[in-house]
């Protein structure tokens, strides 16, 4: 029947609104292309986000709070109320201390011994505390600035500037391992006695 949809010469249905009957369909408007400025902005934002993530991961793994027993520490500055330390390679001459114990709270007590302490509120809810022992072998020399516990201690060449020289390191808590007149430093964990004398 004339005018029936699907018949030859007739459109299959009513035309879209606003289009005359029998006219060809209007093409869809072209999609807007993103300009180079938009791509540059997205790329820059992505680089910034990745950079922040990388820095956070690096600090999380290398900061003093991540130090485990046996890792070495460089003391940049030290005082009873404020210490500045970095985790460092144990072969570095600046690695005067190594971690004996990393405690889960800044208020926990170190084991028995002559440990230097570094505490921080850090990322953990109760903070943390590092119990530090000398990173010493026989023949090493150290210079103390202030007291052993609260001051800064650095490895130095064995000269007149050195405060003391390590004469013996024993794997036991045994001050009798040191010669008469020598000073000693003991740690219960790991069990160690370090004998010291003037260079």
N, C-alpha and C. Protein backbone atom coordinates (compact mmCIF):
# COMPACT_ATOMS: atom_id res chain seq x y z
N UNK A 1 0.85 -1.19 0.00
CA UNK A 1 0.00 0.00 0.00
C UNK A 1 0.88 1.23 0.00
N UNK A 2 0.39 2.29 -0.73
CA UNK A 2 1.21 3.50 -0.75
C UNK A 2 1.36 4.07 0.65
N UNK A 3 2.59 4.56 0.92
CA UNK A 3 2.87 5.17 2.22
C UNK A 3 3.19 4.18 3.30
N UNK A 4 3.16 2.88 2.98
CA UNK A 4 3.44 1.88 4.01
C UNK A 4 4.94 1.75 4.16
N UNK A 5 5.45 1.71 5.39
CA UNK A 5 6.90 1.60 5.59
C UNK A 5 7.41 0.35 4.91
N UNK A 6 8.59 0.47 4.30
CA UNK A 6 9.23 -0.67 3.66
C UNK A 6 8.92 -0.79 2.18
N UNK A 7 7.96 0.02 1.65
CA UNK A 7 7.62 -0.05 0.23
C UNK A 7 8.69 0.70 -0.54
N UNK A 8 8.95 0.27 -1.85
CA UNK A 8 9.97 0.94 -2.65
C UNK A 8 9.65 2.40 -2.81
N UNK A 9 10.72 3.21 -2.71
CA UNK A 9 10.57 4.65 -2.90
C UNK A 9 10.08 5.38 -1.68
N UNK A 10 9.81 4.67 -0.61
CA UNK A 10 9.29 5.33 0.59
C UNK A 10 10.30 5.14 1.72
N UNK A 11 10.47 6.12 2.55
CA UNK A 11 11.38 5.94 3.70
C UNK A 11 10.82 4.90 4.65
N UNK A 12 11.69 4.19 5.39
CA UNK A 12 11.26 3.11 6.26
C UNK A 12 10.44 3.57 7.45
N UNK A 13 10.42 4.77 7.79
CA UNK A 13 9.66 5.25 8.94
C UNK A 13 9.62 6.75 8.94
N UNK A 14 9.02 7.34 9.94
CA UNK A 14 8.95 8.80 9.98
C UNK A 14 10.34 9.39 10.15
N UNK A 15 10.60 10.55 9.53
CA UNK A 15 11.93 11.16 9.63
C UNK A 15 12.18 11.67 11.04
N UNK A 16 13.47 11.83 11.41
CA UNK A 16 13.76 12.41 12.73
C UNK A 16 13.20 13.80 12.81
N UNK A 17 12.95 14.26 14.02
CA UNK A 17 12.37 15.58 14.26
C UNK A 17 13.25 16.65 13.62
N UNK A 18 12.61 17.59 13.00
CA UNK A 18 13.33 18.70 12.39
C UNK A 18 13.88 18.39 11.03
N UNK A 19 13.65 17.20 10.47
CA UNK A 19 14.17 16.84 9.16
C UNK A 19 12.99 16.69 8.22
N UNK A 20 13.03 17.29 7.03
CA UNK A 20 11.90 17.18 6.11
C UNK A 20 11.70 15.74 5.65
N UNK A 21 10.41 15.39 5.36
CA UNK A 21 10.05 14.03 4.95
C UNK A 21 10.74 13.71 3.63
N UNK A 22 11.42 12.53 3.58
CA UNK A 22 12.07 12.09 2.35
C UNK A 22 13.49 12.59 2.21
N UNK A 23 13.98 13.45 3.14
CA UNK A 23 15.35 13.94 3.04
C UNK A 23 16.34 12.92 3.56
N UNK A 24 17.58 12.98 3.10
CA UNK A 24 18.63 12.07 3.58
C UNK A 24 18.95 12.39 5.03
N UNK A 25 19.32 11.36 5.84
CA UNK A 25 19.63 11.62 7.25
C UNK A 25 20.79 12.60 7.39
N UNK A 26 20.71 13.45 8.41
CA UNK A 26 21.76 14.43 8.67
C UNK A 26 22.94 13.73 9.35
N UNK A 27 24.16 14.04 8.91
CA UNK A 27 25.32 13.40 9.56
C UNK A 27 25.48 13.89 10.99
N UNK A 28 25.99 12.98 11.86
CA UNK A 28 26.23 13.35 13.26
C UNK A 28 27.37 14.35 13.31
N UNK A 29 27.33 15.29 14.26
CA UNK A 29 28.43 16.25 14.36
C UNK A 29 29.73 15.53 14.72
N UNK A 30 30.89 15.97 14.17
CA UNK A 30 32.17 15.28 14.47
C UNK A 30 32.52 15.39 15.95
N UNK A 31 33.14 14.31 16.47
CA UNK A 31 33.55 14.31 17.88
C UNK A 31 34.67 15.31 18.08
N UNK A 32 34.62 16.02 19.21
CA UNK A 32 35.67 17.00 19.50
C UNK A 32 36.95 16.27 19.87
N UNK A 33 38.04 16.69 19.27
CA UNK A 33 39.34 16.09 19.59
C UNK A 33 39.99 16.88 20.71
N UNK A 34 40.67 16.12 21.62
CA UNK A 34 41.37 16.80 22.71
C UNK A 34 42.60 17.49 22.15
N UNK A 35 42.79 18.72 22.54
CA UNK A 35 43.93 19.48 22.07
C UNK A 35 45.21 19.06 22.77
N UNK A 36 46.36 19.47 22.22
CA UNK A 36 47.65 19.10 22.84
C UNK A 36 47.80 19.62 24.26
N UNK A 37 47.18 20.74 24.57
CA UNK A 37 47.30 21.29 25.93
C UNK A 37 46.66 20.37 26.95
N UNK A 38 45.52 19.75 26.56
CA UNK A 38 44.83 18.84 27.49
C UNK A 38 45.69 17.61 27.75
N UNK A 39 46.30 17.04 26.67
CA UNK A 39 47.17 15.88 26.84
C UNK A 39 48.39 16.23 27.69
N UNK A 40 48.96 17.41 27.46
CA UNK A 40 50.14 17.84 28.22
C UNK A 40 49.80 17.98 29.71
N UNK A 41 48.62 18.55 30.00
CA UNK A 41 48.20 18.71 31.40
C UNK A 41 48.02 17.37 32.08
N UNK A 42 47.37 16.41 31.39
CA UNK A 42 47.16 15.07 31.98
C UNK A 42 48.50 14.37 32.19
N UNK A 43 49.40 14.51 31.21
CA UNK A 43 50.71 13.87 31.32
C UNK A 43 51.51 14.42 32.48
N UNK A 44 51.47 15.74 32.64
CA UNK A 44 52.20 16.39 33.74
C UNK A 44 51.66 15.95 35.09
N UNK A 45 50.34 15.88 35.20
CA UNK A 45 49.72 15.43 36.45
C UNK A 45 50.13 13.99 36.77
N UNK A 46 50.16 13.14 35.75
CA UNK A 46 50.56 11.73 35.94
C UNK A 46 52.00 11.64 36.42
N UNK A 47 52.90 12.44 35.82
CA UNK A 47 54.32 12.44 36.22
C UNK A 47 54.46 12.87 37.67
N UNK A 48 53.70 13.90 38.09
CA UNK A 48 53.77 14.40 39.47
C UNK A 48 53.31 13.31 40.45
N UNK A 49 52.18 12.66 40.13
CA UNK A 49 51.66 11.61 41.01
C UNK A 49 52.65 10.45 41.13
N UNK A 50 53.23 10.03 40.00
CA UNK A 50 54.21 8.94 40.04
C UNK A 50 55.43 9.35 40.85
N UNK A 51 55.88 10.60 40.66
CA UNK A 51 57.05 11.09 41.40
C UNK A 51 56.83 11.08 42.90
N UNK A 52 55.66 11.54 43.33
CA UNK A 52 55.34 11.54 44.77
C UNK A 52 55.33 10.12 45.30
N UNK A 53 54.76 9.19 44.53
CA UNK A 53 54.72 7.78 44.96
C UNK A 53 56.10 7.19 45.09
N UNK A 54 56.97 7.48 44.13
CA UNK A 54 58.35 6.95 44.17
C UNK A 54 59.10 7.48 45.38
N UNK A 55 58.98 8.78 45.64
CA UNK A 55 59.66 9.38 46.80
C UNK A 55 59.16 8.77 48.09
N UNK A 56 57.84 8.58 48.20
CA UNK A 56 57.27 7.99 49.42
C UNK A 56 57.77 6.58 49.64
N UNK A 57 57.82 5.77 48.57
CA UNK A 57 58.31 4.39 48.69
C UNK A 57 59.77 4.37 49.07
N UNK A 58 60.57 5.26 48.44
CA UNK A 58 62.01 5.30 48.75
C UNK A 58 62.24 5.68 50.21
N UNK A 59 61.53 6.68 50.70
CA UNK A 59 61.71 7.10 52.09
C UNK A 59 61.23 6.04 53.06
N UNK A 60 60.13 5.36 52.70
CA UNK A 60 59.58 4.33 53.58
C UNK A 60 60.59 3.20 53.77
N UNK A 61 61.31 2.83 52.69
CA UNK A 61 62.23 1.70 52.77
C UNK A 61 63.62 2.05 53.26
N UNK A 62 64.01 3.33 53.18
CA UNK A 62 65.38 3.69 53.53
C UNK A 62 65.50 4.56 54.77
N UNK A 63 64.41 5.03 55.31
CA UNK A 63 64.46 5.87 56.51
C UNK A 63 64.85 5.06 57.73
N UNK A 64 65.22 5.75 58.82
CA UNK A 64 65.65 5.04 60.02
C UNK A 64 64.57 4.15 60.62
N UNK A 65 63.29 4.50 60.42
CA UNK A 65 62.21 3.68 60.97
C UNK A 65 62.14 2.29 60.36
N UNK A 66 62.71 2.14 59.14
CA UNK A 66 62.69 0.83 58.47
C UNK A 66 63.92 -0.01 58.81
N UNK A 67 64.84 0.54 59.63
CA UNK A 67 66.09 -0.16 59.93
C UNK A 67 65.85 -1.43 60.75
N UNK A 68 66.56 -2.48 60.37
CA UNK A 68 66.47 -3.76 61.09
C UNK A 68 67.77 -4.00 61.84
N UNK A 69 67.76 -4.98 62.73
CA UNK A 69 68.97 -5.34 63.47
C UNK A 69 70.08 -5.65 62.47
N UNK A 70 71.24 -5.03 62.69
CA UNK A 70 72.38 -5.21 61.79
C UNK A 70 72.55 -4.09 60.78
N UNK A 71 71.47 -3.30 60.52
CA UNK A 71 71.59 -2.15 59.63
C UNK A 71 72.39 -1.06 60.34
N UNK A 72 73.09 -0.25 59.55
CA UNK A 72 73.93 0.78 60.14
C UNK A 72 73.31 2.17 60.02
N UNK A 73 73.71 3.03 60.95
CA UNK A 73 73.11 4.36 61.11
C UNK A 73 74.21 5.42 61.12
N UNK A 74 73.94 6.50 60.39
CA UNK A 74 74.80 7.69 60.45
C UNK A 74 74.10 8.72 61.32
N UNK A 75 74.77 9.22 62.33
CA UNK A 75 74.20 10.25 63.20
C UNK A 75 74.65 11.61 62.67
N UNK A 76 73.69 12.38 62.15
CA UNK A 76 74.00 13.72 61.64
C UNK A 76 74.12 14.73 62.77
N UNK A 77 73.21 14.64 63.72
CA UNK A 77 73.27 15.46 64.93
C UNK A 77 72.50 14.71 66.01
N UNK A 78 72.87 14.96 67.25
CA UNK A 78 72.24 14.22 68.34
C UNK A 78 72.10 15.10 69.57
N UNK A 79 70.98 14.91 70.24
CA UNK A 79 70.76 15.52 71.55
C UNK A 79 69.71 14.67 72.23
N UNK A 80 69.50 14.91 73.51
CA UNK A 80 68.53 14.12 74.25
C UNK A 80 67.13 14.30 73.66
N UNK A 81 66.81 15.54 73.23
CA UNK A 81 65.45 15.81 72.76
C UNK A 81 65.29 15.71 71.25
N UNK A 82 66.38 15.77 70.50
CA UNK A 82 66.25 15.79 69.04
C UNK A 82 67.46 15.13 68.41
N UNK A 83 67.23 14.09 67.62
CA UNK A 83 68.31 13.41 66.92
C UNK A 83 67.99 13.36 65.44
N UNK A 84 69.03 13.40 64.62
CA UNK A 84 68.86 13.33 63.18
C UNK A 84 69.77 12.21 62.68
N UNK A 85 69.18 11.12 62.22
CA UNK A 85 69.95 9.97 61.78
C UNK A 85 69.48 9.49 60.42
N UNK A 86 70.37 8.81 59.71
CA UNK A 86 70.04 8.20 58.41
C UNK A 86 70.54 6.77 58.39
N UNK A 87 69.80 5.91 57.68
CA UNK A 87 70.28 4.55 57.44
C UNK A 87 71.38 4.64 56.39
N UNK A 88 72.47 3.86 56.56
CA UNK A 88 73.64 4.01 55.71
C UNK A 88 74.33 2.66 55.53
N UNK A 89 75.13 2.52 54.51
CA UNK A 89 75.89 1.30 54.27
C UNK A 89 76.89 1.08 55.40
N UNK A 90 76.96 -0.14 55.91
CA UNK A 90 77.82 -0.42 57.07
C UNK A 90 79.31 -0.26 56.77
N UNK A 91 79.71 -0.28 55.50
CA UNK A 91 81.13 -0.11 55.15
C UNK A 91 81.54 1.35 55.07
N UNK A 92 80.56 2.25 55.17
CA UNK A 92 80.89 3.68 55.11
C UNK A 92 81.62 4.10 56.38
N UNK A 93 82.63 4.98 56.27
CA UNK A 93 83.31 5.47 57.47
C UNK A 93 82.38 6.28 58.38
N UNK A 94 81.23 6.73 57.85
CA UNK A 94 80.28 7.50 58.65
C UNK A 94 79.35 6.59 59.45
N UNK A 95 79.43 5.28 59.23
CA UNK A 95 78.53 4.34 59.90
C UNK A 95 79.12 3.97 61.26
N UNK A 96 78.95 4.86 62.24
CA UNK A 96 79.52 4.64 63.56
C UNK A 96 78.68 3.69 64.41
N UNK A 97 77.39 3.57 64.10
CA UNK A 97 76.50 2.73 64.90
C UNK A 97 75.75 1.74 64.01
N UNK A 98 75.35 0.65 64.62
CA UNK A 98 74.44 -0.27 63.94
C UNK A 98 73.28 -0.58 64.87
N UNK A 99 72.16 -0.97 64.27
CA UNK A 99 70.95 -1.23 65.03
C UNK A 99 71.06 -2.59 65.71
N UNK A 100 70.88 -2.60 67.04
CA UNK A 100 70.81 -3.85 67.78
C UNK A 100 69.36 -4.32 67.84
N UNK A 101 68.45 -3.38 68.14
CA UNK A 101 67.03 -3.69 68.28
C UNK A 101 66.22 -2.50 67.76
N UNK A 102 65.14 -2.78 67.01
CA UNK A 102 64.17 -1.75 66.61
C UNK A 102 62.89 -2.04 67.38
N UNK A 103 62.56 -1.16 68.34
CA UNK A 103 61.39 -1.36 69.21
C UNK A 103 60.15 -0.72 68.60
N UNK A 104 58.99 -1.30 68.85
CA UNK A 104 57.73 -0.84 68.26
C UNK A 104 57.13 0.38 68.94
N UNK A 105 57.73 0.84 70.02
CA UNK A 105 57.21 2.02 70.71
C UNK A 105 58.38 2.88 71.17
N UNK A 106 58.22 4.18 71.06
CA UNK A 106 59.29 5.09 71.50
C UNK A 106 59.45 5.10 73.01
N UNK A 107 58.48 4.54 73.74
CA UNK A 107 58.57 4.50 75.20
C UNK A 107 59.12 3.18 75.73
N UNK A 108 59.32 2.18 74.85
CA UNK A 108 59.88 0.90 75.29
C UNK A 108 61.35 1.08 75.69
N UNK A 109 61.81 0.22 76.59
CA UNK A 109 63.20 0.30 77.07
C UNK A 109 64.10 -0.62 76.24
N UNK A 110 65.30 -0.14 75.96
CA UNK A 110 66.29 -0.99 75.29
C UNK A 110 66.74 -2.10 76.23
N UNK A 111 67.27 -3.20 75.70
CA UNK A 111 67.80 -4.26 76.56
C UNK A 111 68.95 -3.71 77.43
N UNK A 112 69.39 -4.52 78.39
CA UNK A 112 70.50 -4.10 79.25
C UNK A 112 71.74 -3.84 78.39
N UNK A 113 72.42 -2.75 78.68
CA UNK A 113 73.64 -2.44 77.95
C UNK A 113 73.84 -0.96 77.76
N UNK A 114 74.92 -0.63 77.07
CA UNK A 114 75.32 0.77 76.87
C UNK A 114 74.86 1.28 75.50
N UNK A 115 73.60 1.07 75.18
CA UNK A 115 73.07 1.45 73.88
C UNK A 115 72.90 2.96 73.78
N UNK A 116 73.23 3.51 72.61
CA UNK A 116 72.76 4.85 72.26
C UNK A 116 71.34 4.66 71.74
N UNK A 117 70.49 5.67 71.89
CA UNK A 117 69.08 5.52 71.51
C UNK A 117 68.66 6.61 70.53
N UNK A 118 67.85 6.22 69.58
CA UNK A 118 67.18 7.17 68.69
C UNK A 118 65.70 6.86 68.73
N UNK A 119 64.89 7.85 69.09
CA UNK A 119 63.45 7.63 69.17
C UNK A 119 62.73 8.63 68.29
N UNK A 120 61.58 8.20 67.78
CA UNK A 120 60.79 9.07 66.92
C UNK A 120 59.33 8.68 67.00
N UNK A 121 58.45 9.68 66.86
CA UNK A 121 57.02 9.36 66.79
C UNK A 121 56.71 8.74 65.44
N UNK A 122 57.42 9.14 64.38
CA UNK A 122 57.35 8.50 63.07
C UNK A 122 55.95 8.25 62.56
N UNK A 123 55.81 7.23 61.69
CA UNK A 123 54.51 6.88 61.09
C UNK A 123 53.72 5.94 61.97
N UNK A 124 54.39 5.25 62.87
CA UNK A 124 53.68 4.29 63.72
C UNK A 124 52.92 5.04 64.81
N UNK A 125 51.84 4.48 65.28
CA UNK A 125 51.00 5.17 66.26
C UNK A 125 51.76 5.46 67.55
N UNK A 126 52.63 4.55 67.99
CA UNK A 126 53.40 4.75 69.22
C UNK A 126 54.84 5.16 68.93
N UNK A 127 55.15 5.48 67.66
CA UNK A 127 56.52 5.80 67.30
C UNK A 127 57.38 4.55 67.29
N UNK A 128 58.68 4.74 67.39
CA UNK A 128 59.61 3.62 67.45
C UNK A 128 60.88 4.09 68.15
N UNK A 129 61.70 3.13 68.54
CA UNK A 129 62.99 3.44 69.15
C UNK A 129 64.03 2.49 68.58
N UNK A 130 65.19 3.05 68.19
CA UNK A 130 66.32 2.25 67.75
C UNK A 130 67.33 2.18 68.89
N UNK A 131 67.72 0.96 69.27
CA UNK A 131 68.78 0.75 70.25
C UNK A 131 70.06 0.49 69.45
N UNK A 132 71.02 1.40 69.58
CA UNK A 132 72.20 1.39 68.73
C UNK A 132 73.45 0.96 69.49
N UNK A 133 74.26 0.15 68.82
CA UNK A 133 75.57 -0.24 69.37
C UNK A 133 76.65 0.22 68.40
N UNK A 134 77.88 0.30 68.89
CA UNK A 134 78.98 0.72 68.02
C UNK A 134 79.14 -0.28 66.87
N UNK A 135 79.34 0.24 65.69
CA UNK A 135 79.67 -0.58 64.52
C UNK A 135 81.20 -0.64 64.48
N UNK A 136 81.75 -1.55 65.31
CA UNK A 136 83.19 -1.51 65.55
C UNK A 136 83.85 -2.86 65.34
N UNK A 137 85.08 -2.80 64.86
CA UNK A 137 85.94 -3.98 64.83
C UNK A 137 87.29 -3.57 65.42
N UNK A 138 88.08 -4.55 65.77
CA UNK A 138 89.37 -4.26 66.40
C UNK A 138 90.20 -3.36 65.50
N UNK A 139 90.76 -2.29 66.09
CA UNK A 139 91.59 -1.34 65.34
C UNK A 139 90.86 -0.09 64.89
N UNK A 140 89.51 -0.07 64.96
CA UNK A 140 88.75 1.13 64.60
C UNK A 140 88.95 2.22 65.64
N UNK A 141 88.95 3.48 65.19
CA UNK A 141 89.03 4.63 66.10
C UNK A 141 87.77 5.48 65.96
N UNK A 142 87.37 6.07 67.09
CA UNK A 142 86.16 6.88 67.15
C UNK A 142 86.44 8.21 67.82
N UNK A 143 85.63 9.20 67.45
CA UNK A 143 85.68 10.50 68.12
C UNK A 143 84.30 10.77 68.71
N UNK A 144 84.27 11.12 69.99
CA UNK A 144 83.02 11.46 70.68
C UNK A 144 82.89 12.96 70.80
N UNK A 145 81.70 13.46 70.52
CA UNK A 145 81.37 14.87 70.76
C UNK A 145 80.21 14.88 71.75
N UNK A 146 80.49 15.20 73.00
CA UNK A 146 79.49 15.09 74.05
C UNK A 146 79.56 13.70 74.67
N UNK A 147 78.52 13.31 75.39
CA UNK A 147 78.53 12.01 76.05
C UNK A 147 78.27 10.90 75.04
N UNK A 148 78.66 9.68 75.37
CA UNK A 148 78.49 8.55 74.46
C UNK A 148 77.03 8.31 74.14
N UNK A 149 76.15 8.40 75.14
CA UNK A 149 74.74 8.10 74.92
C UNK A 149 74.03 9.22 74.17
N UNK A 150 74.27 10.48 74.56
CA UNK A 150 73.52 11.59 73.98
C UNK A 150 74.28 12.35 72.91
N UNK A 151 75.60 12.15 72.82
CA UNK A 151 76.40 12.94 71.88
C UNK A 151 76.54 12.29 70.53
N UNK A 152 77.32 12.92 69.67
CA UNK A 152 77.59 12.42 68.33
C UNK A 152 78.91 11.67 68.33
N UNK A 153 78.92 10.47 67.80
CA UNK A 153 80.12 9.65 67.70
C UNK A 153 80.38 9.34 66.24
N UNK A 154 81.63 9.55 65.79
CA UNK A 154 81.98 9.28 64.40
C UNK A 154 83.24 8.45 64.33
N UNK A 155 83.38 7.66 63.26
CA UNK A 155 84.62 6.92 63.01
C UNK A 155 85.64 7.89 62.42
N UNK A 156 86.86 7.81 62.90
CA UNK A 156 87.93 8.69 62.40
C UNK A 156 89.20 7.86 62.22
N UNK A 157 90.20 8.48 61.59
CA UNK A 157 91.50 7.81 61.49
C UNK A 157 92.14 7.83 62.88
N UNK A 158 92.98 6.87 63.13
CA UNK A 158 93.60 6.75 64.47
C UNK A 158 94.72 7.77 64.60
N UNK A 159 94.35 8.97 65.06
CA UNK A 159 95.31 10.06 65.25
C UNK A 159 94.99 10.75 66.56
N UNK A 160 95.59 11.90 66.78
CA UNK A 160 95.37 12.63 68.04
C UNK A 160 93.94 13.13 68.17
N UNK A 161 93.17 13.20 67.07
CA UNK A 161 91.79 13.67 67.16
C UNK A 161 90.84 12.57 67.67
N UNK A 162 91.29 11.32 67.65
CA UNK A 162 90.43 10.21 68.08
C UNK A 162 90.27 10.22 69.59
N UNK A 163 89.08 9.93 70.06
CA UNK A 163 88.81 9.82 71.50
C UNK A 163 89.29 8.47 72.02
N UNK A 164 89.08 7.41 71.26
CA UNK A 164 89.53 6.08 71.67
C UNK A 164 89.69 5.16 70.47
N UNK A 165 90.41 4.05 70.72
CA UNK A 165 90.64 3.01 69.72
C UNK A 165 90.07 1.71 70.26
N UNK A 166 89.43 0.92 69.39
CA UNK A 166 88.88 -0.37 69.80
C UNK A 166 90.02 -1.40 69.82
N UNK A 167 90.24 -1.97 71.00
CA UNK A 167 91.32 -2.94 71.15
C UNK A 167 90.84 -4.39 71.03
N UNK A 168 89.54 -4.61 71.29
CA UNK A 168 89.01 -5.97 71.22
C UNK A 168 87.49 -5.92 71.12
N UNK A 169 86.92 -6.87 70.36
CA UNK A 169 85.47 -7.06 70.30
C UNK A 169 85.20 -8.52 70.64
N UNK A 170 84.51 -8.75 71.77
CA UNK A 170 84.20 -10.11 72.23
C UNK A 170 82.71 -10.39 72.05
N UNK A 171 82.38 -11.60 71.61
CA UNK A 171 80.97 -11.99 71.42
C UNK A 171 80.37 -12.53 72.71
N UNK A 172 80.47 -11.73 73.78
CA UNK A 172 79.92 -12.10 75.08
C UNK A 172 79.83 -10.83 75.92
N UNK A 173 78.97 -10.86 76.93
CA UNK A 173 78.92 -9.75 77.90
C UNK A 173 79.91 -10.11 78.98
N UNK A 174 81.15 -9.62 78.83
CA UNK A 174 82.24 -10.03 79.73
C UNK A 174 83.28 -8.92 79.80
N UNK A 175 83.13 -8.03 80.79
CA UNK A 175 84.07 -6.92 80.91
C UNK A 175 85.47 -7.39 81.26
N UNK A 176 85.60 -8.62 81.76
CA UNK A 176 86.94 -9.14 82.07
C UNK A 176 87.72 -9.46 80.79
N UNK A 177 87.03 -9.41 79.63
CA UNK A 177 87.73 -9.62 78.36
C UNK A 177 88.66 -8.45 78.05
N UNK A 178 88.46 -7.31 78.72
CA UNK A 178 89.27 -6.13 78.47
C UNK A 178 90.46 -6.10 79.42
N UNK A 179 91.55 -5.50 78.96
CA UNK A 179 92.75 -5.38 79.78
C UNK A 179 92.53 -4.34 80.88
N UNK A 180 93.33 -4.44 81.93
CA UNK A 180 93.23 -3.49 83.04
C UNK A 180 93.50 -2.08 82.53
N UNK A 181 92.66 -1.15 82.92
CA UNK A 181 92.81 0.25 82.50
C UNK A 181 92.01 0.59 81.24
N UNK A 182 91.53 -0.43 80.52
CA UNK A 182 90.73 -0.16 79.33
C UNK A 182 89.27 0.12 79.71
N UNK A 183 88.63 0.93 78.94
CA UNK A 183 87.19 1.15 79.12
C UNK A 183 86.47 0.09 78.31
N UNK A 184 85.24 -0.17 78.67
CA UNK A 184 84.48 -1.20 77.95
C UNK A 184 83.04 -0.73 77.74
N UNK A 185 82.45 -1.28 76.72
CA UNK A 185 81.05 -1.05 76.40
C UNK A 185 80.43 -2.41 76.20
N UNK A 186 79.31 -2.67 76.89
CA UNK A 186 78.68 -3.99 76.79
C UNK A 186 77.25 -3.87 76.28
N UNK A 187 76.83 -4.91 75.57
CA UNK A 187 75.48 -5.00 75.04
C UNK A 187 74.97 -6.43 75.28
N UNK A 188 73.72 -6.52 75.72
CA UNK A 188 73.17 -7.86 75.98
C UNK A 188 72.54 -8.48 74.73
N UNK A 189 72.19 -7.66 73.75
CA UNK A 189 71.53 -8.17 72.54
C UNK A 189 72.03 -7.41 71.32
N UNK A 190 72.84 -8.03 70.47
CA UNK A 190 73.49 -9.32 70.66
C UNK A 190 74.61 -9.19 71.70
N UNK A 191 74.90 -10.28 72.37
CA UNK A 191 75.88 -10.26 73.46
C UNK A 191 77.25 -9.84 72.92
N UNK A 192 77.72 -8.68 73.37
CA UNK A 192 78.97 -8.10 72.84
C UNK A 192 79.65 -7.27 73.91
N UNK A 193 80.97 -7.33 73.95
CA UNK A 193 81.79 -6.42 74.77
C UNK A 193 82.82 -5.79 73.85
N UNK A 194 82.89 -4.46 73.90
CA UNK A 194 83.87 -3.72 73.09
C UNK A 194 84.85 -3.06 74.05
N UNK A 195 86.14 -3.40 73.92
CA UNK A 195 87.19 -2.83 74.78
C UNK A 195 87.79 -1.62 74.06
N UNK A 196 88.01 -0.53 74.85
CA UNK A 196 88.47 0.73 74.26
C UNK A 196 89.62 1.29 75.07
N UNK A 197 90.53 1.95 74.35
CA UNK A 197 91.68 2.59 75.00
C UNK A 197 92.07 3.83 74.21
N UNK A 198 92.86 4.70 74.81
CA UNK A 198 93.35 5.88 74.10
C UNK A 198 94.24 5.41 72.94
N UNK A 199 94.16 6.04 71.78
CA UNK A 199 94.98 5.60 70.64
C UNK A 199 96.46 5.94 70.85
